[in-house]
Every structure is written in C-alpha cells, then in structure tokens.
Amino acid sequence: MIDPRGTRFSAAITVIVLALVILTAPGGIATALLSLQTLVFAFGAILGPSHQPYGWLFKKLVRPRLKAPSHMEEPLPPQFAQAVGLGFALAASVSMLLAWTLGVYIFAGFALFAAALNALFGFCLGCEIYLRIRKFIPVAAIPAPARDSILDLTDDTHSRV
C-alpha cells in the first residue's frame, strides 16, 4: 500500500521536468531532462511508485513531516501509469534522437498532461486506464502476490477465472 500524496508529489515534479523539456527542446538541457524523466518512469514501472526517485524523496523528506494519510492505495495502478509514462518518454526520446522536435512536444506533452491531472486534481489517468483494462484480464493470469490486491481494486461483476 502506498500514500496517494506521494504519487501526487511525484507527478508535480514530473510536470516541472517535462515542462522544462518542452520549453528547452531541442537542445542538451532538454535531452538531459528527458533522459532523467525516462529513467524515473522506468524505475516506477519496474520497481513500483515508491521505489522511483521522486517517490523515494517523498518517503524520506516529505512524508515524515505530514500527518498520516486518510487512506492508502494499491501500488499496481500507479505502477501501470508509470509504464504508460515510460512509453511516452521513450517515444519523446526517440523523437529527440531523430531531431523531430514536434514529436518531442507531442509525446512529452501527453505525459505532461497526464502528470498535471494527477498533480493538480488527484486524477491519475494511467490508473483509470489500468482499472478499465483490468476488468478484461482473468484473475488466473495475474501473478499470485498481486492477485489479492487486484481483487480489492475491482468490483465483483467480472469473472474470477
């Protein structure tokens, strides 16, 4: 279980980084920032949101100064959202390598939009997509450690194969 304020904190940093990418592209600063953000998304997608660098900063520097959260959330939807962000960051990176600045603006812009929704309104677009897709995946196809938490996320209207 993760503190939902951590994902909003991470999203806020992501908004700043991606806005700087868009403002400085093309160029070395944009390339460095986009590479950094791509790595952050990769850590979040592979290890989970609390193990990516921004999540770690939240856990070590911000969380100790806050009251206990009113609720905790499952990490799988934000982890999926990080994977979606990784896809957009990789597409922006390839665009940067091909000197297609418009592609950088488009792909980084999509990731920036989704991060801004989370940072400003607490609406995780990638999490919502995850929950919609999850309804079509049989429970038996999910690894055992994640199975129990997934059953808590979905309603009982789908088949538990």
C-alpha atoms as a PDB file:
ATOM      1  CA  MET A   1       0.000   0.000   0.000  1.00  0.00           C
ATOM      2  CA  ILE A   2       1.223   3.489  -0.833  1.00  0.00           C
ATOM      3  CA  ASP A   3       0.441   7.008   0.299  1.00  0.00           C
ATOM      4  CA  PRO A   4      -1.518   8.696  -2.539  1.00  0.00           C
ATOM      5  CA  ARG A   5       0.125  12.015  -1.682  1.00  0.00           C
ATOM      6  CA  GLY A   6       3.410  10.511  -2.834  1.00  0.00           C
ATOM      7  CA  THR A   7       2.100   9.912  -6.333  1.00  0.00           C
ATOM      8  CA  ARG A   8       0.823  13.494  -6.484  1.00  0.00           C
ATOM      9  CA  PHE A   9       4.213  14.759  -5.282  1.00  0.00           C
ATOM     10  CA  SER A  10       5.946  12.687  -7.965  1.00  0.00           C
ATOM     11  CA  ALA A  11       3.500  13.949 -10.570  1.00  0.00           C
ATOM     12  CA  ALA A  12       4.256  17.557  -9.583  1.00  0.00           C
ATOM     13  CA  ILE A  13       7.990  17.050 -10.097  1.00  0.00           C
ATOM     14  CA  THR A  14       7.244  15.278 -13.383  1.00  0.00           C
ATOM     15  CA  VAL A  15       5.194  18.285 -14.528  1.00  0.00           C
ATOM     16  CA  ILE A  16       8.133  20.601 -13.847  1.00  0.00           C
ATOM     17  CA  VAL A  17      10.659  18.348 -15.577  1.00  0.00           C
ATOM     18  CA  LEU A  18       8.506  17.750 -18.657  1.00  0.00           C
ATOM     19  CA  ALA A  19       7.570  21.440 -18.919  1.00  0.00           C
ATOM     20  CA  LEU A  20      11.283  22.254 -18.940  1.00  0.00           C
ATOM     21  CA  VAL A  21      11.832  19.592 -21.603  1.00  0.00           C
ATOM     22  CA  ILE A  22       9.209  21.201 -23.817  1.00  0.00           C
ATOM     23  CA  LEU A  23      10.488  24.727 -23.164  1.00  0.00           C
ATOM     24  CA  THR A  24      14.139  23.879 -23.885  1.00  0.00           C
ATOM     25  CA  ALA A  25      13.735  21.399 -26.773  1.00  0.00           C
ATOM     26  CA  PRO A  26      15.682  20.904 -28.908  1.00  0.00           C
ATOM     27  CA  GLY A  27      18.919  21.082 -27.005  1.00  0.00           C
ATOM     28  CA  GLY A  28      21.203  19.488 -24.491  1.00  0.00           C
ATOM     29  CA  ILE A  29      19.199  20.535 -21.431  1.00  0.00           C
ATOM     30  CA  ALA A  30      16.015  19.026 -22.878  1.00  0.00           C
ATOM     31  CA  THR A  31      17.869  15.829 -23.748  1.00  0.00           C
ATOM     32  CA  ALA A  32      19.316  15.507 -20.234  1.00  0.00           C
ATOM     33  CA  LEU A  33      15.982  16.217 -18.540  1.00  0.00           C
ATOM     34  CA  LEU A  34      14.105  13.844 -20.817  1.00  0.00           C
ATOM     35  CA  SER A  35      16.683  11.133 -20.141  1.00  0.00           C
ATOM     36  CA  LEU A  36      16.292  11.713 -16.389  1.00  0.00           C
ATOM     37  CA  GLN A  37      12.490  11.552 -16.591  1.00  0.00           C
ATOM     38  CA  THR A  38      12.622   8.416 -18.736  1.00  0.00           C
ATOM     39  CA  LEU A  39      14.778   6.730 -16.083  1.00  0.00           C
ATOM     40  CA  VAL A  40      12.389   7.864 -13.330  1.00  0.00           C
ATOM     41  CA  PHE A  41       9.455   6.360 -15.247  1.00  0.00           C
ATOM     42  CA  ALA A  42      11.455   3.151 -15.795  1.00  0.00           C
ATOM     43  CA  PHE A  43      12.152   2.792 -12.064  1.00  0.00           C
ATOM     44  CA  GLY A  44       8.488   3.435 -11.285  1.00  0.00           C
ATOM     45  CA  ALA A  45       7.267   0.987 -13.916  1.00  0.00           C
ATOM     46  CA  ILE A  46       9.654  -1.788 -12.911  1.00  0.00           C
ATOM     47  CA  LEU A  47      10.036  -1.350  -9.141  1.00  0.00           C
ATOM     48  CA  GLY A  48       6.835   0.491  -8.260  1.00  0.00           C
ATOM     49  CA  PRO A  49       5.996   4.104  -7.483  1.00  0.00           C
ATOM     50  CA  SER A  50       7.526   4.177  -4.007  1.00  0.00           C
ATOM     51  CA  HIS A  51      10.890   2.979  -5.347  1.00  0.00           C
ATOM     52  CA  GLN A  52      11.327   5.545  -8.095  1.00  0.00           C
ATOM     53  CA  PRO A  53      13.491   8.589  -7.236  1.00  0.00           C
ATOM     54  CA  TYR A  54      10.634  11.063  -6.699  1.00  0.00           C
ATOM     55  CA  GLY A  55       8.765   8.525  -4.561  1.00  0.00           C
ATOM     56  CA  TRP A  56      11.904   7.970  -2.536  1.00  0.00           C
ATOM     57  CA  LEU A  57      12.247  11.750  -1.995  1.00  0.00           C
ATOM     58  CA  PHE A  58       8.653  11.893  -0.818  1.00  0.00           C
ATOM     59  CA  LYS A  59       9.133   8.938   1.525  1.00  0.00           C
ATOM     60  CA  LYS A  60      12.358  10.254   3.076  1.00  0.00           C
ATOM     61  CA  LEU A  61      11.911  14.045   3.085  1.00  0.00           C
ATOM     62  CA  VAL A  62       8.230  14.952   2.827  1.00  0.00           C
ATOM     63  CA  ARG A  63       6.195  12.105   4.355  1.00  0.00           C
ATOM     64  CA  PRO A  64       7.815  12.322   7.813  1.00  0.00           C
ATOM     65  CA  ARG A  65       6.600  15.936   8.085  1.00  0.00           C
ATOM     66  CA  LEU A  66       2.973  15.096   7.262  1.00  0.00           C
ATOM     67  CA  LYS A  67       0.151  13.585   9.241  1.00  0.00           C
ATOM     68  CA  ALA A  68      -0.815  10.008   8.498  1.00  0.00           C
ATOM     69  CA  PRO A  69      -2.745   9.712   5.231  1.00  0.00           C
ATOM     70  CA  SER A  70      -6.522   9.357   5.409  1.00  0.00           C
ATOM     71  CA  HIS A  71      -6.262   6.273   3.204  1.00  0.00           C
ATOM     72  CA  MET A  72      -3.690   4.176   1.404  1.00  0.00           C
ATOM     73  CA  GLU A  73      -3.795   2.959  -2.197  1.00  0.00           C
ATOM     74  CA  GLU A  74      -2.688  -0.133  -4.034  1.00  0.00           C
ATOM     75  CA  PRO A  75       0.579   0.372  -5.953  1.00  0.00           C
ATOM     76  CA  LEU A  76      -0.379  -1.508  -9.143  1.00  0.00           C
ATOM     77  CA  PRO A  77      -2.474   1.209 -10.844  1.00  0.00           C
ATOM     78  CA  PRO A  78       0.204   3.915 -10.329  1.00  0.00           C
ATOM     79  CA  GLN A  79       2.853   1.426 -11.435  1.00  0.00           C
ATOM     80  CA  PHE A  80       0.903   0.885 -14.655  1.00  0.00           C
ATOM     81  CA  ALA A  81       0.634   4.670 -15.023  1.00  0.00           C
ATOM     82  CA  GLN A  82       4.427   4.871 -14.705  1.00  0.00           C
ATOM     83  CA  ALA A  83       4.714   2.305 -17.511  1.00  0.00           C
ATOM     84  CA  VAL A  84       2.445   4.423 -19.710  1.00  0.00           C
ATOM     85  CA  GLY A  85       4.579   7.466 -18.878  1.00  0.00           C
ATOM     86  CA  LEU A  86       7.660   5.437 -19.767  1.00  0.00           C
ATOM     87  CA  GLY A  87       6.149   4.674 -23.170  1.00  0.00           C
ATOM     88  CA  PHE A  88       5.545   8.360 -23.857  1.00  0.00           C
ATOM     89  CA  ALA A  89       9.003   9.319 -22.562  1.00  0.00           C
ATOM     90  CA  LEU A  90      10.617   6.699 -24.798  1.00  0.00           C
ATOM     91  CA  ALA A  91       8.640   7.979 -27.785  1.00  0.00           C
ATOM     92  CA  ALA A  92       9.772  11.531 -26.954  1.00  0.00           C
ATOM     93  CA  SER A  93      13.360  10.297 -26.591  1.00  0.00           C
ATOM     94  CA  VAL A  94      13.288   8.587 -29.973  1.00  0.00           C
ATOM     95  CA  SER A  95      11.821  11.779 -31.436  1.00  0.00           C
ATOM     96  CA  MET A  96      14.680  13.716 -29.853  1.00  0.00           C
ATOM     97  CA  LEU A  97      17.220  11.300 -31.364  1.00  0.00           C
ATOM     98  CA  LEU A  98      15.624  11.711 -34.783  1.00  0.00           C
ATOM     99  CA  ALA A  99      15.611  15.510 -34.391  1.00  0.00           C
ATOM    100  CA  TRP A 100      11.810  15.507 -34.687  1.00  0.00           C
ATOM    101  CA  THR A 101      11.066  18.332 -32.251  1.00  0.00           C
ATOM    102  CA  LEU A 102       7.333  18.202 -32.927  1.00  0.00           C
ATOM    103  CA  GLY A 103       7.350  14.561 -31.752  1.00  0.00           C
ATOM    104  CA  VAL A 104       9.102  15.616 -28.552  1.00  0.00           C
ATOM    105  CA  TYR A 105       6.410  18.238 -27.982  1.00  0.00           C
ATOM    106  CA  ILE A 106       3.600  15.767 -28.702  1.00  0.00           C
ATOM    107  CA  PHE A 107       4.818  12.829 -26.619  1.00  0.00           C
ATOM    108  CA  ALA A 108       6.245  14.843 -23.731  1.00  0.00           C
ATOM    109  CA  GLY A 109       3.066  16.940 -23.862  1.00  0.00           C
ATOM    110  CA  PHE A 110       0.838  13.886 -23.423  1.00  0.00           C
ATOM    111  CA  ALA A 111       2.893  12.757 -20.411  1.00  0.00           C
ATOM    112  CA  LEU A 112       2.869  16.317 -19.053  1.00  0.00           C
ATOM    113  CA  PHE A 113      -0.927  16.493 -19.392  1.00  0.00           C
ATOM    114  CA  ALA A 114      -1.438  13.210 -17.524  1.00  0.00           C
ATOM    115  CA  ALA A 115       1.018  14.217 -14.779  1.00  0.00           C
ATOM    116  CA  ALA A 116      -0.691  17.603 -14.428  1.00  0.00           C
ATOM    117  CA  LEU A 117      -4.082  15.922 -13.972  1.00  0.00           C
ATOM    118  CA  ASN A 118      -2.627  13.910 -11.105  1.00  0.00           C
ATOM    119  CA  ALA A 119      -0.634  16.746  -9.532  1.00  0.00           C
ATOM    120  CA  LEU A 120      -3.413  19.329  -9.675  1.00  0.00           C
ATOM    121  CA  PHE A 121      -6.601  17.292  -9.309  1.00  0.00           C
ATOM    122  CA  GLY A 122      -5.526  13.922  -7.914  1.00  0.00           C
ATOM    123  CA  PHE A 123      -6.845  12.223 -11.068  1.00  0.00           C
ATOM    124  CA  CYS A 124      -4.471   9.505 -12.260  1.00  0.00           C
ATOM    125  CA  LEU A 125      -5.285   8.912 -15.919  1.00  0.00           C
ATOM    126  CA  GLY A 126      -2.999   5.870 -16.164  1.00  0.00           C
ATOM    127  CA  CYS A 127      -4.621   4.400 -13.040  1.00  0.00           C
ATOM    128  CA  GLU A 128      -8.068   4.788 -14.573  1.00  0.00           C
ATOM    129  CA  ILE A 129      -6.899   3.096 -17.769  1.00  0.00           C
ATOM    130  CA  TYR A 130      -5.436   0.276 -15.664  1.00  0.00           C
ATOM    131  CA  LEU A 131      -8.716  -0.259 -13.815  1.00  0.00           C
ATOM    132  CA  ARG A 132     -10.669  -0.340 -17.097  1.00  0.00           C
ATOM    133  CA  ILE A 133      -8.277  -2.820 -18.722  1.00  0.00           C
ATOM    134  CA  ARG A 134      -8.117  -4.938 -15.551  1.00  0.00           C
ATOM    135  CA  LYS A 135     -11.783  -5.863 -15.935  1.00  0.00           C
ATOM    136  CA  PHE A 136     -10.911  -7.844 -19.073  1.00  0.00           C
ATOM    137  CA  ILE A 137      -7.963  -9.818 -17.660  1.00  0.00           C
ATOM    138  CA  PRO A 138      -8.755 -13.122 -15.954  1.00  0.00           C
ATOM    139  CA  VAL A 139      -7.556 -13.253 -12.362  1.00  0.00           C
ATOM    140  CA  ALA A 140      -5.723 -16.523 -13.062  1.00  0.00           C
ATOM    141  CA  ALA A 141      -3.417 -14.647 -15.464  1.00  0.00           C
ATOM    142  CA  ILE A 142      -2.123 -12.420 -12.674  1.00  0.00           C
ATOM    143  CA  PRO A 143       0.862 -13.480 -10.518  1.00  0.00           C
ATOM    144  CA  ALA A 144      -0.176 -14.734  -7.087  1.00  0.00           C
ATOM    145  CA  PRO A 145       1.382 -11.924  -4.967  1.00  0.00           C
ATOM    146  CA  ALA A 146      -0.601  -9.276  -6.837  1.00  0.00           C
ATOM    147  CA  ARG A 147      -3.832 -11.262  -7.087  1.00  0.00           C
ATOM    148  CA  ASP A 148      -5.280 -10.345  -3.673  1.00  0.00           C
ATOM    149  CA  SER A 149      -4.703  -6.629  -4.060  1.00  0.00           C
ATOM    150  CA  ILE A 150      -6.210  -6.675  -7.536  1.00  0.00           C
ATOM    151  CA  LEU A 151      -9.357  -8.350  -6.299  1.00  0.00           C
ATOM    152  CA  ASP A 152      -9.754  -5.463  -3.854  1.00  0.00           C
ATOM    153  CA  LEU A 153      -9.465  -2.930  -6.693  1.00  0.00           C
ATOM    154  CA  THR A 154     -12.134  -4.377  -8.927  1.00  0.00           C
ATOM    155  CA  ASP A 155     -15.762  -4.989  -8.337  1.00  0.00           C
ATOM    156  CA  ASP A 156     -17.274  -8.459  -8.310  1.00  0.00           C
ATOM    157  CA  THR A 157     -19.002  -8.082 -11.663  1.00  0.00           C
ATOM    158  CA  HIS A 158     -16.171  -9.752 -13.566  1.00  0.00           C
ATOM    159  CA  SER A 159     -15.428 -13.435 -13.645  1.00  0.00           C
ATOM    160  CA  ARG A 160     -12.784 -14.795 -11.289  1.00  0.00           C
ATOM    161  CA  VAL A 161     -11.331 -17.447 -13.554  1.00  0.00           C
END
